């Protein structure tokens, strides 16, 4: 497979992941972090870092909106719930 085709496939996979996460508003970031070690915010940061490497500067909010499909504040208001004590303990144990 040539590099151009590989990049197109990787881009399509990324879009599928992003779209899936935009639909799965029931999945909280803390659960993603506890289970996978990354979350929507990580994807937004990676997106911004990749853009920067290619000479495209963007702000944090812009890159996060690309991942969330809306401003983060709006997503949090609509979908984010308070993490349970168990989730917080697990997060702390994993990320210390």
C-alpha atoms as a PDB file:
ATOM      1  CA  UNK A   1       0.000   0.000   0.000  1.00  0.00           C
ATOM      2  CA  UNK A   2       1.380   3.429  -0.834  1.00  0.00           C
ATOM      3  CA  UNK A   3       1.716   6.226   1.718  1.00  0.00           C
ATOM      4  CA  UNK A   4      -1.068   8.381   0.233  1.00  0.00           C
ATOM      5  CA  UNK A   5      -3.593   5.547   0.428  1.00  0.00           C
ATOM      6  CA  UNK A   6      -2.433   4.680   3.943  1.00  0.00           C
ATOM      7  CA  UNK A   7      -2.987   8.294   5.054  1.00  0.00           C
ATOM      8  CA  UNK A   8      -6.492   8.284   3.541  1.00  0.00           C
ATOM      9  CA  UNK A   9      -7.344   5.091   5.401  1.00  0.00           C
ATOM     10  CA  UNK A  10      -5.936   6.434   8.688  1.00  0.00           C
ATOM     11  CA  UNK A  11      -7.946   9.640   8.235  1.00  0.00           C
ATOM     12  CA  UNK A  12     -11.110   7.625   7.634  1.00  0.00           C
ATOM     13  CA  UNK A  13     -10.461   5.557  10.755  1.00  0.00           C
ATOM     14  CA  UNK A  14      -9.949   8.730  12.796  1.00  0.00           C
ATOM     15  CA  UNK A  15     -13.221  10.193  11.497  1.00  0.00           C
ATOM     16  CA  UNK A  16     -15.030   6.976  12.395  1.00  0.00           C
ATOM     17  CA  UNK A  17     -13.612   7.069  15.927  1.00  0.00           C
ATOM     18  CA  UNK A  18     -14.463  10.768  16.323  1.00  0.00           C
ATOM     19  CA  UNK A  19     -18.007  10.253  15.027  1.00  0.00           C
ATOM     20  CA  UNK A  20     -18.500   7.221  17.257  1.00  0.00           C
ATOM     21  CA  UNK A  21     -17.422   9.173  20.340  1.00  0.00           C
ATOM     22  CA  UNK A  22     -19.683  12.087  19.385  1.00  0.00           C
ATOM     23  CA  UNK A  23     -22.629   9.674  19.333  1.00  0.00           C
ATOM     24  CA  UNK A  24     -21.624   7.892  22.551  1.00  0.00           C
ATOM     25  CA  UNK A  25     -22.303  10.790  24.886  1.00  0.00           C
ATOM     26  CA  UNK A  26     -23.102   8.233  27.585  1.00  0.00           C
ATOM     27  CA  UNK A  27     -19.409   7.307  27.768  1.00  0.00           C
ATOM     28  CA  UNK A  28     -17.689   9.615  30.223  1.00  0.00           C
ATOM     29  CA  UNK A  29     -14.090  10.739  29.748  1.00  0.00           C
ATOM     30  CA  UNK A  30     -13.076   9.398  33.159  1.00  0.00           C
ATOM     31  CA  UNK A  31     -14.281   5.940  32.109  1.00  0.00           C
ATOM     32  CA  UNK A  32     -12.235   6.182  28.923  1.00  0.00           C
ATOM     33  CA  UNK A  33      -9.179   7.281  30.897  1.00  0.00           C
ATOM     34  CA  UNK A  34      -9.593   4.492  33.424  1.00  0.00           C
ATOM     35  CA  UNK A  35     -10.052   1.816  30.771  1.00  0.00           C
ATOM     36  CA  UNK A  36      -7.878   2.983  27.880  1.00  0.00           C
ATOM     37  CA  UNK A  37      -5.556   5.681  29.187  1.00  0.00           C
ATOM     38  CA  UNK A  38      -6.930   8.320  26.810  1.00  0.00           C
ATOM     39  CA  UNK A  39     -10.124  10.326  26.340  1.00  0.00           C
ATOM     40  CA  UNK A  40     -11.708  12.926  24.097  1.00  0.00           C
ATOM     41  CA  UNK A  41      -9.459  15.603  25.572  1.00  0.00           C
ATOM     42  CA  UNK A  42      -6.374  13.551  24.670  1.00  0.00           C
ATOM     43  CA  UNK A  43      -7.628  13.207  21.099  1.00  0.00           C
ATOM     44  CA  UNK A  44      -8.148  16.962  20.952  1.00  0.00           C
ATOM     45  CA  UNK A  45      -4.610  17.573  22.203  1.00  0.00           C
ATOM     46  CA  UNK A  46      -3.161  15.080  19.714  1.00  0.00           C
ATOM     47  CA  UNK A  47      -5.148  16.743  16.932  1.00  0.00           C
ATOM     48  CA  UNK A  48      -3.802  20.172  17.893  1.00  0.00           C
ATOM     49  CA  UNK A  49      -0.223  18.834  18.158  1.00  0.00           C
ATOM     50  CA  UNK A  50      -0.441  17.171  14.734  1.00  0.00           C
ATOM     51  CA  UNK A  51      -1.812  20.379  13.217  1.00  0.00           C
ATOM     52  CA  UNK A  52       1.022  22.353  14.787  1.00  0.00           C
ATOM     53  CA  UNK A  53       3.597  19.938  13.359  1.00  0.00           C
ATOM     54  CA  UNK A  54       2.116  20.708   9.931  1.00  0.00           C
ATOM     55  CA  UNK A  55       2.281  24.464  10.484  1.00  0.00           C
ATOM     56  CA  UNK A  56      -1.376  24.942  11.407  1.00  0.00           C
ATOM     57  CA  UNK A  57      -1.908  26.707  14.711  1.00  0.00           C
ATOM     58  CA  UNK A  58      -5.193  26.232  16.499  1.00  0.00           C
ATOM     59  CA  UNK A  59      -6.434  26.886  19.977  1.00  0.00           C
ATOM     60  CA  UNK A  60      -7.343  24.268  22.523  1.00  0.00           C
ATOM     61  CA  UNK A  61     -11.074  24.991  22.271  1.00  0.00           C
ATOM     62  CA  UNK A  62     -11.022  24.695  18.480  1.00  0.00           C
ATOM     63  CA  UNK A  63      -9.286  21.321  18.549  1.00  0.00           C
ATOM     64  CA  UNK A  64     -11.599  20.014  21.275  1.00  0.00           C
ATOM     65  CA  UNK A  65     -14.668  21.152  19.364  1.00  0.00           C
ATOM     66  CA  UNK A  66     -13.415  19.081  16.422  1.00  0.00           C
ATOM     67  CA  UNK A  67     -13.509  16.009  18.663  1.00  0.00           C
ATOM     68  CA  UNK A  68     -16.628  16.752  20.729  1.00  0.00           C
ATOM     69  CA  UNK A  69     -18.675  18.070  17.793  1.00  0.00           C
ATOM     70  CA  UNK A  70     -19.665  21.123  19.826  1.00  0.00           C
ATOM     71  CA  UNK A  71     -18.042  23.518  22.291  1.00  0.00           C
ATOM     72  CA  UNK A  72     -16.722  21.565  25.272  1.00  0.00           C
ATOM     73  CA  UNK A  73     -18.699  23.695  27.725  1.00  0.00           C
ATOM     74  CA  UNK A  74     -21.904  22.760  25.905  1.00  0.00           C
ATOM     75  CA  UNK A  75     -20.972  19.045  25.880  1.00  0.00           C
ATOM     76  CA  UNK A  76     -20.205  19.126  29.610  1.00  0.00           C
ATOM     77  CA  UNK A  77     -23.501  20.857  30.359  1.00  0.00           C
ATOM     78  CA  UNK A  78     -25.493  18.354  28.315  1.00  0.00           C
ATOM     79  CA  UNK A  79     -23.675  15.095  28.954  1.00  0.00           C
ATOM     80  CA  UNK A  80     -21.017  15.140  31.660  1.00  0.00           C
ATOM     81  CA  UNK A  81     -21.974  13.715  35.009  1.00  0.00           C
ATOM     82  CA  UNK A  82     -20.089  13.905  38.289  1.00  0.00           C
ATOM     83  CA  UNK A  83     -17.524  11.130  38.612  1.00  0.00           C
ATOM     84  CA  UNK A  84     -18.230   8.637  41.350  1.00  0.00           C
ATOM     85  CA  UNK A  85     -15.828   8.131  44.237  1.00  0.00           C
ATOM     86  CA  UNK A  86     -14.925   4.755  42.728  1.00  0.00           C
ATOM     87  CA  UNK A  87     -14.089   6.317  39.364  1.00  0.00           C
ATOM     88  CA  UNK A  88     -11.996   9.003  41.049  1.00  0.00           C
ATOM     89  CA  UNK A  89     -10.097   6.441  43.139  1.00  0.00           C
ATOM     90  CA  UNK A  90      -9.413   4.288  40.085  1.00  0.00           C
ATOM     91  CA  UNK A  91      -8.216   7.317  38.128  1.00  0.00           C
ATOM     92  CA  UNK A  92      -5.920   8.369  40.957  1.00  0.00           C
ATOM     93  CA  UNK A  93      -4.484   4.852  41.321  1.00  0.00           C
ATOM     94  CA  UNK A  94      -3.812   4.541  37.600  1.00  0.00           C
ATOM     95  CA  UNK A  95      -2.381   8.011  37.038  1.00  0.00           C
ATOM     96  CA  UNK A  96      -0.181   8.531  40.063  1.00  0.00           C
END
